[in-house]
Amino acid sequence: MGLGFPSPKELAGDRPISETLRIAKAEQVERMARLALMGPAGESFIPGGDELMLTLAGAGPMGFFDPLNLTPECKREVVLWREAELMHGRVSMLAAVGFFVQEAIAHPIMPDSAPLAINQLGAISKEWAAVLFGMIWWFEIARAEKGWNRPDFQTPSSTARTVRTLRQAYEPGNLGFDPLRLKPTDPKELMAMQNKELNNGRLAMIAVAGFVGQELATSSPVFGVSTAKEALSTTAEAAAVVAEAI
């Protein structure tokens, strides 16, 4: 304005025009890459996501639940999000068990760890951190090789077709790992087991988020067994002092 006063656009808190144009250009490039694959030979956008979701496991005891209409219209997006849901659910189920073991029983590699599970990872030694990172890296690479396409950045079409996409023959969550032969061969029994896994995984994701939020808010462990152990130890010491005095 020439007088050092902010303009109405600056007062409104809107993005600068240059940033708005940059975002619009990025969205245009992504949209054009997807549209280039919507022909007969393309695979990027496959309609029918809603219909596919109704055939998958995880509908729950009350039927299909999507009040916000978040189900993708593309079948490829549906299987992609189902893969993400399964992986996060499995990790959350392990994390829920980890919270209990590390706080109520004993940390497997750090006996004198902090009482809060959310603080224990930061106190791990460099040696164990390297082992943990190596294991996670190996498992993630093996999972990616099993289910995900190798990225091809040569052209926009090949990028949209291979980046963030699952292999065509890959079933979400099926990594072929079943050493105890627990996977049912009957389709109905398999569907029932998949429903149980998804429902428990969803519950675990909510539970772990609650565990973390509670410990951040209260600075006390979710499983107060560690506090009870300290109280019992103090009581035992007091009893021993009284016994010596008598």
C-alpha atoms as a PDB file:
ATOM      1  CA  MET A   1       0.000   0.000   0.000  1.00  0.00           C
ATOM      2  CA  GLY A   2       3.066   2.210   0.238  1.00  0.00           C
ATOM      3  CA  LEU A   3       2.533   3.245   3.878  1.00  0.00           C
ATOM      4  CA  GLY A   4       3.704   0.035   5.550  1.00  0.00           C
ATOM      5  CA  PHE A   5       0.186  -1.157   6.346  1.00  0.00           C
ATOM      6  CA  PRO A   6      -0.771  -4.795   5.601  1.00  0.00           C
ATOM      7  CA  SER A   7      -3.083  -5.381   2.661  1.00  0.00           C
ATOM      8  CA  PRO A   8      -6.548  -6.936   3.091  1.00  0.00           C
ATOM      9  CA  LYS A   9      -5.153 -10.192   1.633  1.00  0.00           C
ATOM     10  CA  GLU A  10      -2.387 -10.269   4.244  1.00  0.00           C
ATOM     11  CA  LEU A  11      -4.880  -9.540   7.010  1.00  0.00           C
ATOM     12  CA  ALA A  12      -7.092 -12.415   5.818  1.00  0.00           C
ATOM     13  CA  GLY A  13      -4.232 -14.869   6.308  1.00  0.00           C
ATOM     14  CA  ASP A  14      -4.500 -16.264   2.762  1.00  0.00           C
ATOM     15  CA  ARG A  15      -1.565 -18.011   1.138  1.00  0.00           C
ATOM     16  CA  PRO A  16       0.649 -15.888  -1.111  1.00  0.00           C
ATOM     17  CA  ILE A  17      -0.260 -16.071  -4.798  1.00  0.00           C
ATOM     18  CA  SER A  18       3.044 -17.750  -5.648  1.00  0.00           C
ATOM     19  CA  GLU A  19       2.410 -20.552  -3.133  1.00  0.00           C
ATOM     20  CA  THR A  20      -1.176 -20.999  -4.343  1.00  0.00           C
ATOM     21  CA  LEU A  21       0.044 -21.332  -7.945  1.00  0.00           C
ATOM     22  CA  ARG A  22       2.722 -23.819  -6.896  1.00  0.00           C
ATOM     23  CA  ILE A  23       0.164 -26.033  -5.122  1.00  0.00           C
ATOM     24  CA  ALA A  24      -2.243 -25.819  -8.072  1.00  0.00           C
ATOM     25  CA  LYS A  25       0.546 -26.793 -10.481  1.00  0.00           C
ATOM     26  CA  ALA A  26       1.515 -29.819  -8.383  1.00  0.00           C
ATOM     27  CA  GLU A  27      -2.100 -30.949  -8.224  1.00  0.00           C
ATOM     28  CA  GLN A  28      -2.462 -30.480 -11.972  1.00  0.00           C
ATOM     29  CA  VAL A  29       0.603 -32.605 -12.711  1.00  0.00           C
ATOM     30  CA  GLU A  30      -0.685 -35.423 -10.500  1.00  0.00           C
ATOM     31  CA  ARG A  31      -4.177 -35.222 -12.018  1.00  0.00           C
ATOM     32  CA  MET A  32      -2.873 -35.268 -15.592  1.00  0.00           C
ATOM     33  CA  ALA A  33      -0.674 -38.269 -14.819  1.00  0.00           C
ATOM     34  CA  ARG A  34      -3.693 -40.169 -13.555  1.00  0.00           C
ATOM     35  CA  LEU A  35      -5.882 -39.106 -16.470  1.00  0.00           C
ATOM     36  CA  ALA A  36      -3.236 -40.352 -18.879  1.00  0.00           C
ATOM     37  CA  LEU A  37      -3.833 -43.854 -17.552  1.00  0.00           C
ATOM     38  CA  MET A  38      -7.628 -43.867 -17.725  1.00  0.00           C
ATOM     39  CA  GLY A  39      -7.761 -45.227 -21.253  1.00  0.00           C
ATOM     40  CA  PRO A  40      -8.355 -48.885 -22.195  1.00  0.00           C
ATOM     41  CA  ALA A  41      -4.718 -49.762 -21.593  1.00  0.00           C
ATOM     42  CA  GLY A  42      -4.444 -47.789 -18.352  1.00  0.00           C
ATOM     43  CA  GLU A  43      -4.628 -49.170 -14.847  1.00  0.00           C
ATOM     44  CA  SER A  44      -4.477 -46.097 -12.660  1.00  0.00           C
ATOM     45  CA  PHE A  45      -8.169 -45.372 -12.135  1.00  0.00           C
ATOM     46  CA  ILE A  46     -10.461 -48.388 -11.912  1.00  0.00           C
ATOM     47  CA  PRO A  47     -14.020 -47.423 -10.923  1.00  0.00           C
ATOM     48  CA  GLY A  48     -16.066 -49.489  -8.505  1.00  0.00           C
ATOM     49  CA  GLY A  49     -14.366 -48.843  -5.193  1.00  0.00           C
ATOM     50  CA  ASP A  50     -17.639 -48.816  -3.256  1.00  0.00           C
ATOM     51  CA  GLU A  51     -18.719 -52.161  -4.679  1.00  0.00           C
ATOM     52  CA  LEU A  52     -15.321 -53.719  -3.976  1.00  0.00           C
ATOM     53  CA  MET A  53     -15.333 -52.524  -0.357  1.00  0.00           C
ATOM     54  CA  LEU A  54     -18.655 -54.257   0.273  1.00  0.00           C
ATOM     55  CA  THR A  55     -17.095 -57.605  -0.690  1.00  0.00           C
ATOM     56  CA  LEU A  56     -14.051 -57.283   1.580  1.00  0.00           C
ATOM     57  CA  ALA A  57     -13.704 -58.391   5.176  1.00  0.00           C
ATOM     58  CA  GLY A  58     -14.071 -55.912   8.015  1.00  0.00           C
ATOM     59  CA  ALA A  59     -17.689 -54.811   7.600  1.00  0.00           C
ATOM     60  CA  GLY A  60     -18.212 -55.594  11.272  1.00  0.00           C
ATOM     61  CA  PRO A  61     -21.241 -56.912  13.128  1.00  0.00           C
ATOM     62  CA  MET A  62     -23.374 -53.892  12.177  1.00  0.00           C
ATOM     63  CA  GLY A  63     -22.557 -53.901   8.470  1.00  0.00           C
ATOM     64  CA  PHE A  64     -20.628 -51.461   6.322  1.00  0.00           C
ATOM     65  CA  PHE A  65     -19.878 -48.234   8.232  1.00  0.00           C
ATOM     66  CA  ASP A  66     -18.761 -45.136   6.331  1.00  0.00           C
ATOM     67  CA  PRO A  67     -20.789 -42.124   7.563  1.00  0.00           C
ATOM     68  CA  LEU A  68     -18.314 -39.604   6.081  1.00  0.00           C
ATOM     69  CA  ASN A  69     -18.262 -41.310   2.667  1.00  0.00           C
ATOM     70  CA  LEU A  70     -14.487 -41.737   2.699  1.00  0.00           C
ATOM     71  CA  THR A  71     -14.416 -44.912   0.587  1.00  0.00           C
ATOM     72  CA  PRO A  72     -12.367 -44.218  -2.573  1.00  0.00           C
ATOM     73  CA  GLU A  73     -14.064 -44.522  -5.952  1.00  0.00           C
ATOM     74  CA  CYS A  74     -11.028 -46.298  -7.385  1.00  0.00           C
ATOM     75  CA  LYS A  75     -10.520 -50.000  -6.682  1.00  0.00           C
ATOM     76  CA  ARG A  76      -6.758 -49.532  -6.538  1.00  0.00           C
ATOM     77  CA  GLU A  77      -7.147 -46.946  -3.799  1.00  0.00           C
ATOM     78  CA  VAL A  78      -9.442 -49.303  -1.869  1.00  0.00           C
ATOM     79  CA  VAL A  79      -6.883 -52.124  -1.770  1.00  0.00           C
ATOM     80  CA  LEU A  80      -4.128 -49.613  -0.988  1.00  0.00           C
ATOM     81  CA  TRP A  81      -5.966 -48.300   2.072  1.00  0.00           C
ATOM     82  CA  ARG A  82      -6.882 -51.820   3.136  1.00  0.00           C
ATOM     83  CA  GLU A  83      -3.163 -52.710   3.046  1.00  0.00           C
ATOM     84  CA  ALA A  84      -2.394 -49.672   5.205  1.00  0.00           C
ATOM     85  CA  GLU A  85      -5.188 -50.528   7.639  1.00  0.00           C
ATOM     86  CA  LEU A  86      -3.983 -54.102   8.054  1.00  0.00           C
ATOM     87  CA  MET A  87      -0.342 -53.128   8.584  1.00  0.00           C
ATOM     88  CA  HIS A  88      -1.163 -50.386  11.102  1.00  0.00           C
ATOM     89  CA  GLY A  89      -3.593 -52.691  12.907  1.00  0.00           C
ATOM     90  CA  ARG A  90      -0.979 -55.426  13.258  1.00  0.00           C
ATOM     91  CA  VAL A  91       1.650 -52.989  14.517  1.00  0.00           C
ATOM     92  CA  SER A  92      -0.860 -51.530  16.985  1.00  0.00           C
ATOM     93  CA  MET A  93      -1.759 -54.981  18.330  1.00  0.00           C
ATOM     94  CA  LEU A  94       1.941 -55.614  18.985  1.00  0.00           C
ATOM     95  CA  ALA A  95       2.273 -52.150  20.529  1.00  0.00           C
ATOM     96  CA  ALA A  96      -0.663 -52.747  22.873  1.00  0.00           C
ATOM     97  CA  VAL A  97       0.969 -55.943  24.108  1.00  0.00           C
ATOM     98  CA  GLY A  98       4.282 -54.075  24.354  1.00  0.00           C
ATOM     99  CA  PHE A  99       2.772 -51.424  26.621  1.00  0.00           C
ATOM    100  CA  PHE A 100       1.566 -54.115  29.012  1.00  0.00           C
ATOM    101  CA  VAL A 101       4.799 -56.138  28.981  1.00  0.00           C
ATOM    102  CA  GLN A 102       7.107 -53.140  29.353  1.00  0.00           C
ATOM    103  CA  GLU A 103       5.116 -51.487  32.131  1.00  0.00           C
ATOM    104  CA  ALA A 104       3.479 -54.344  34.022  1.00  0.00           C
ATOM    105  CA  ILE A 105       6.052 -57.119  33.694  1.00  0.00           C
ATOM    106  CA  ALA A 106       9.604 -56.180  32.642  1.00  0.00           C
ATOM    107  CA  HIS A 107      11.327 -54.623  29.688  1.00  0.00           C
ATOM    108  CA  PRO A 108      12.943 -57.436  27.673  1.00  0.00           C
ATOM    109  CA  ILE A 109      16.253 -55.615  27.113  1.00  0.00           C
ATOM    110  CA  MET A 110      16.186 -52.737  29.651  1.00  0.00           C
ATOM    111  CA  PRO A 111      15.335 -54.007  33.170  1.00  0.00           C
ATOM    112  CA  ASP A 112      15.875 -50.567  34.729  1.00  0.00           C
ATOM    113  CA  SER A 113      13.900 -48.651  32.090  1.00  0.00           C
ATOM    114  CA  ALA A 114      11.663 -45.654  32.739  1.00  0.00           C
ATOM    115  CA  PRO A 115       8.163 -46.447  34.049  1.00  0.00           C
ATOM    116  CA  LEU A 116       6.451 -44.877  31.021  1.00  0.00           C
ATOM    117  CA  ALA A 117       6.539 -46.951  27.850  1.00  0.00           C
ATOM    118  CA  ILE A 118       6.476 -43.804  25.691  1.00  0.00           C
ATOM    119  CA  ASN A 119       9.870 -42.774  27.149  1.00  0.00           C
ATOM    120  CA  GLN A 120      11.608 -46.141  26.935  1.00  0.00           C
ATOM    121  CA  LEU A 121      12.518 -46.076  23.255  1.00  0.00           C
ATOM    122  CA  GLY A 122      14.528 -42.885  23.687  1.00  0.00           C
ATOM    123  CA  ALA A 123      16.602 -44.486  26.443  1.00  0.00           C
ATOM    124  CA  ILE A 124      17.624 -47.540  24.427  1.00  0.00           C
ATOM    125  CA  SER A 125      21.353 -48.013  23.825  1.00  0.00           C
ATOM    126  CA  LYS A 126      22.933 -47.380  20.427  1.00  0.00           C
ATOM    127  CA  GLU A 127      23.663 -51.079  19.976  1.00  0.00           C
ATOM    128  CA  TRP A 128      20.073 -52.145  20.559  1.00  0.00           C
ATOM    129  CA  ALA A 129      18.826 -49.209  18.488  1.00  0.00           C
ATOM    130  CA  ALA A 130      20.913 -50.427  15.559  1.00  0.00           C
ATOM    131  CA  VAL A 131      19.525 -53.958  15.956  1.00  0.00           C
ATOM    132  CA  LEU A 132      15.956 -52.661  16.176  1.00  0.00           C
ATOM    133  CA  PHE A 133      16.388 -50.384  13.169  1.00  0.00           C
ATOM    134  CA  GLY A 134      17.954 -53.221  11.159  1.00  0.00           C
ATOM    135  CA  MET A 135      15.068 -55.569  11.926  1.00  0.00           C
ATOM    136  CA  ILE A 136      12.446 -52.981  11.004  1.00  0.00           C
ATOM    137  CA  TRP A 137      14.339 -52.114   7.815  1.00  0.00           C
ATOM    138  CA  TRP A 138      14.583 -55.781   6.784  1.00  0.00           C
ATOM    139  CA  PHE A 139      10.900 -56.482   7.424  1.00  0.00           C
ATOM    140  CA  GLU A 140       9.749 -53.364   5.566  1.00  0.00           C
ATOM    141  CA  ILE A 141      11.949 -54.092   2.549  1.00  0.00           C
ATOM    142  CA  ALA A 142      10.695 -57.693   2.452  1.00  0.00           C
ATOM    143  CA  ARG A 143       7.088 -56.482   2.665  1.00  0.00           C
ATOM    144  CA  ALA A 144       7.647 -53.923  -0.094  1.00  0.00           C
ATOM    145  CA  GLU A 145       9.217 -56.528  -2.372  1.00  0.00           C
ATOM    146  CA  LYS A 146       6.266 -58.839  -1.761  1.00  0.00           C
ATOM    147  CA  GLY A 147       3.384 -56.481  -2.378  1.00  0.00           C
ATOM    148  CA  TRP A 148       4.503 -53.208  -3.969  1.00  0.00           C
ATOM    149  CA  ASN A 149       5.518 -52.303  -7.509  1.00  0.00           C
ATOM    150  CA  ARG A 150       9.016 -50.997  -8.069  1.00  0.00           C
ATOM    151  CA  PRO A 151       8.829 -47.253  -8.830  1.00  0.00           C
ATOM    152  CA  ASP A 152       9.484 -46.215 -12.426  1.00  0.00           C
ATOM    153  CA  PHE A 153      10.089 -42.465 -12.812  1.00  0.00           C
ATOM    154  CA  GLN A 154      10.917 -42.427 -16.529  1.00  0.00           C
ATOM    155  CA  THR A 155       7.606 -40.889 -17.641  1.00  0.00           C
ATOM    156  CA  PRO A 156       4.590 -39.351 -15.875  1.00  0.00           C
ATOM    157  CA  SER A 157       2.514 -42.367 -16.897  1.00  0.00           C
ATOM    158  CA  SER A 158       4.996 -44.901 -15.530  1.00  0.00           C
ATOM    159  CA  THR A 159       5.321 -42.838 -12.351  1.00  0.00           C
ATOM    160  CA  ALA A 160       1.556 -42.825 -11.742  1.00  0.00           C
ATOM    161  CA  ARG A 161       1.350 -46.523 -12.601  1.00  0.00           C
ATOM    162  CA  THR A 162       4.143 -47.736 -10.312  1.00  0.00           C
ATOM    163  CA  VAL A 163       4.561 -45.226  -7.456  1.00  0.00           C
ATOM    164  CA  ARG A 164       2.387 -45.945  -4.413  1.00  0.00           C
ATOM    165  CA  THR A 165       0.755 -48.946  -6.088  1.00  0.00           C
ATOM    166  CA  LEU A 166       0.390 -52.595  -5.108  1.00  0.00           C
ATOM    167  CA  ARG A 167       1.193 -55.533  -7.343  1.00  0.00           C
ATOM    168  CA  GLN A 168      -1.813 -56.739  -9.313  1.00  0.00           C
ATOM    169  CA  ALA A 169      -1.661 -60.304  -7.958  1.00  0.00           C
ATOM    170  CA  TYR A 170      -1.014 -59.240  -4.361  1.00  0.00           C
ATOM    171  CA  GLU A 171      -3.763 -59.635  -1.769  1.00  0.00           C
ATOM    172  CA  PRO A 172      -3.584 -56.880   0.893  1.00  0.00           C
ATOM    173  CA  GLY A 173      -1.996 -58.200   4.060  1.00  0.00           C
ATOM    174  CA  ASN A 174      -1.136 -61.625   2.629  1.00  0.00           C
ATOM    175  CA  LEU A 175       2.628 -61.854   3.071  1.00  0.00           C
ATOM    176  CA  GLY A 176       2.688 -65.634   2.907  1.00  0.00           C
ATOM    177  CA  PHE A 177       3.838 -65.885   6.533  1.00  0.00           C
ATOM    178  CA  ASP A 178       1.947 -68.674   8.280  1.00  0.00           C
ATOM    179  CA  PRO A 179       4.434 -70.976  10.041  1.00  0.00           C
ATOM    180  CA  LEU A 180       1.741 -72.489  12.295  1.00  0.00           C
ATOM    181  CA  ARG A 181      -0.654 -73.197   9.409  1.00  0.00           C
ATOM    182  CA  LEU A 182      -3.448 -71.161  10.993  1.00  0.00           C
ATOM    183  CA  LYS A 183      -4.916 -69.768   7.780  1.00  0.00           C
ATOM    184  CA  PRO A 184      -8.234 -71.540   7.077  1.00  0.00           C
ATOM    185  CA  THR A 185      -8.837 -73.116   3.690  1.00  0.00           C
ATOM    186  CA  ASP A 186     -12.619 -72.706   3.895  1.00  0.00           C
ATOM    187  CA  PRO A 187     -13.693 -69.288   2.486  1.00  0.00           C
ATOM    188  CA  LYS A 188     -16.240 -68.661   5.266  1.00  0.00           C
ATOM    189  CA  GLU A 189     -13.744 -69.481   7.998  1.00  0.00           C
ATOM    190  CA  LEU A 190     -11.134 -67.292   6.300  1.00  0.00           C
ATOM    191  CA  MET A 191     -13.575 -64.383   6.144  1.00  0.00           C
ATOM    192  CA  ALA A 192     -14.374 -64.840   9.837  1.00  0.00           C
ATOM    193  CA  MET A 193     -10.666 -64.802  10.742  1.00  0.00           C
ATOM    194  CA  GLN A 194     -10.056 -61.702   8.617  1.00  0.00           C
ATOM    195  CA  ASN A 195     -12.973 -59.962  10.329  1.00  0.00           C
ATOM    196  CA  LYS A 196     -11.479 -60.768  13.722  1.00  0.00           C
ATOM    197  CA  GLU A 197      -8.059 -59.468  12.695  1.00  0.00           C
ATOM    198  CA  LEU A 198      -9.435 -56.218  11.322  1.00  0.00           C
ATOM    199  CA  ASN A 199     -11.722 -55.553  14.273  1.00  0.00           C
ATOM    200  CA  ASN A 200      -8.970 -56.290  16.794  1.00  0.00           C
ATOM    201  CA  GLY A 201      -6.522 -54.195  14.793  1.00  0.00           C
ATOM    202  CA  ARG A 202      -8.906 -51.241  14.716  1.00  0.00           C
ATOM    203  CA  LEU A 203      -9.485 -51.523  18.455  1.00  0.00           C
ATOM    204  CA  ALA A 204      -5.728 -51.711  19.028  1.00  0.00           C
ATOM    205  CA  MET A 205      -5.124 -48.547  16.993  1.00  0.00           C
ATOM    206  CA  ILE A 206      -7.650 -46.663  19.126  1.00  0.00           C
ATOM    207  CA  ALA A 207      -6.252 -48.197  22.330  1.00  0.00           C
ATOM    208  CA  VAL A 208      -2.620 -47.340  21.576  1.00  0.00           C
ATOM    209  CA  ALA A 209      -3.585 -43.771  20.685  1.00  0.00           C
ATOM    210  CA  GLY A 210      -5.374 -43.621  24.049  1.00  0.00           C
ATOM    211  CA  PHE A 211      -2.359 -45.095  25.877  1.00  0.00           C
ATOM    212  CA  VAL A 212      -0.015 -42.489  24.402  1.00  0.00           C
ATOM    213  CA  GLY A 213      -2.417 -39.622  25.036  1.00  0.00           C
ATOM    214  CA  GLN A 214      -3.026 -40.671  28.630  1.00  0.00           C
ATOM    215  CA  GLU A 215       0.659 -40.994  29.464  1.00  0.00           C
ATOM    216  CA  LEU A 216       1.438 -37.646  27.844  1.00  0.00           C
ATOM    217  CA  ALA A 217      -1.387 -35.973  29.777  1.00  0.00           C
ATOM    218  CA  THR A 218      -0.925 -37.628  33.179  1.00  0.00           C
ATOM    219  CA  SER A 219       2.787 -38.643  33.201  1.00  0.00           C
ATOM    220  CA  SER A 220       1.730 -41.933  34.778  1.00  0.00           C
ATOM    221  CA  PRO A 221       1.822 -45.420  33.265  1.00  0.00           C
ATOM    222  CA  VAL A 222      -1.319 -46.919  31.797  1.00  0.00           C
ATOM    223  CA  PHE A 223      -0.657 -50.183  33.575  1.00  0.00           C
ATOM    224  CA  GLY A 224       0.016 -49.067  37.126  1.00  0.00           C
ATOM    225  CA  VAL A 225       1.575 -52.359  38.103  1.00  0.00           C
ATOM    226  CA  SER A 226       4.973 -50.720  38.252  1.00  0.00           C
ATOM    227  CA  THR A 227       3.637 -48.275  40.850  1.00  0.00           C
ATOM    228  CA  ALA A 228       2.127 -51.185  42.749  1.00  0.00           C
ATOM    229  CA  LYS A 229       5.472 -52.978  42.684  1.00  0.00           C
ATOM    230  CA  GLU A 230       7.174 -49.927  44.178  1.00  0.00           C
ATOM    231  CA  ALA A 231       4.516 -49.757  46.896  1.00  0.00           C
ATOM    232  CA  LEU A 232       4.939 -53.443  47.698  1.00  0.00           C
ATOM    233  CA  SER A 233       8.715 -53.023  47.794  1.00  0.00           C
ATOM    234  CA  THR A 234       8.398 -50.073  50.175  1.00  0.00           C
ATOM    235  CA  THR A 235       5.972 -52.041  52.349  1.00  0.00           C
ATOM    236  CA  ALA A 236       8.332 -55.021  52.437  1.00  0.00           C
ATOM    237  CA  GLU A 237      11.243 -52.799  53.456  1.00  0.00           C
ATOM    238  CA  ALA A 238       9.142 -51.195  56.191  1.00  0.00           C
ATOM    239  CA  ALA A 239       8.092 -54.639  57.443  1.00  0.00           C
ATOM    240  CA  ALA A 240      11.722 -55.748  57.531  1.00  0.00           C
ATOM    241  CA  VAL A 241      12.688 -52.681  59.595  1.00  0.00           C
ATOM    242  CA  VAL A 242       9.836 -53.328  62.033  1.00  0.00           C
ATOM    243  CA  ALA A 243      10.850 -56.989  62.324  1.00  0.00           C
ATOM    244  CA  GLU A 244      14.445 -56.023  63.140  1.00  0.00           C
ATOM    245  CA  ALA A 245      13.245 -53.520  65.727  1.00  0.00           C
ATOM    246  CA  ILE A 246      11.080 -56.142  67.415  1.00  0.00           C
END
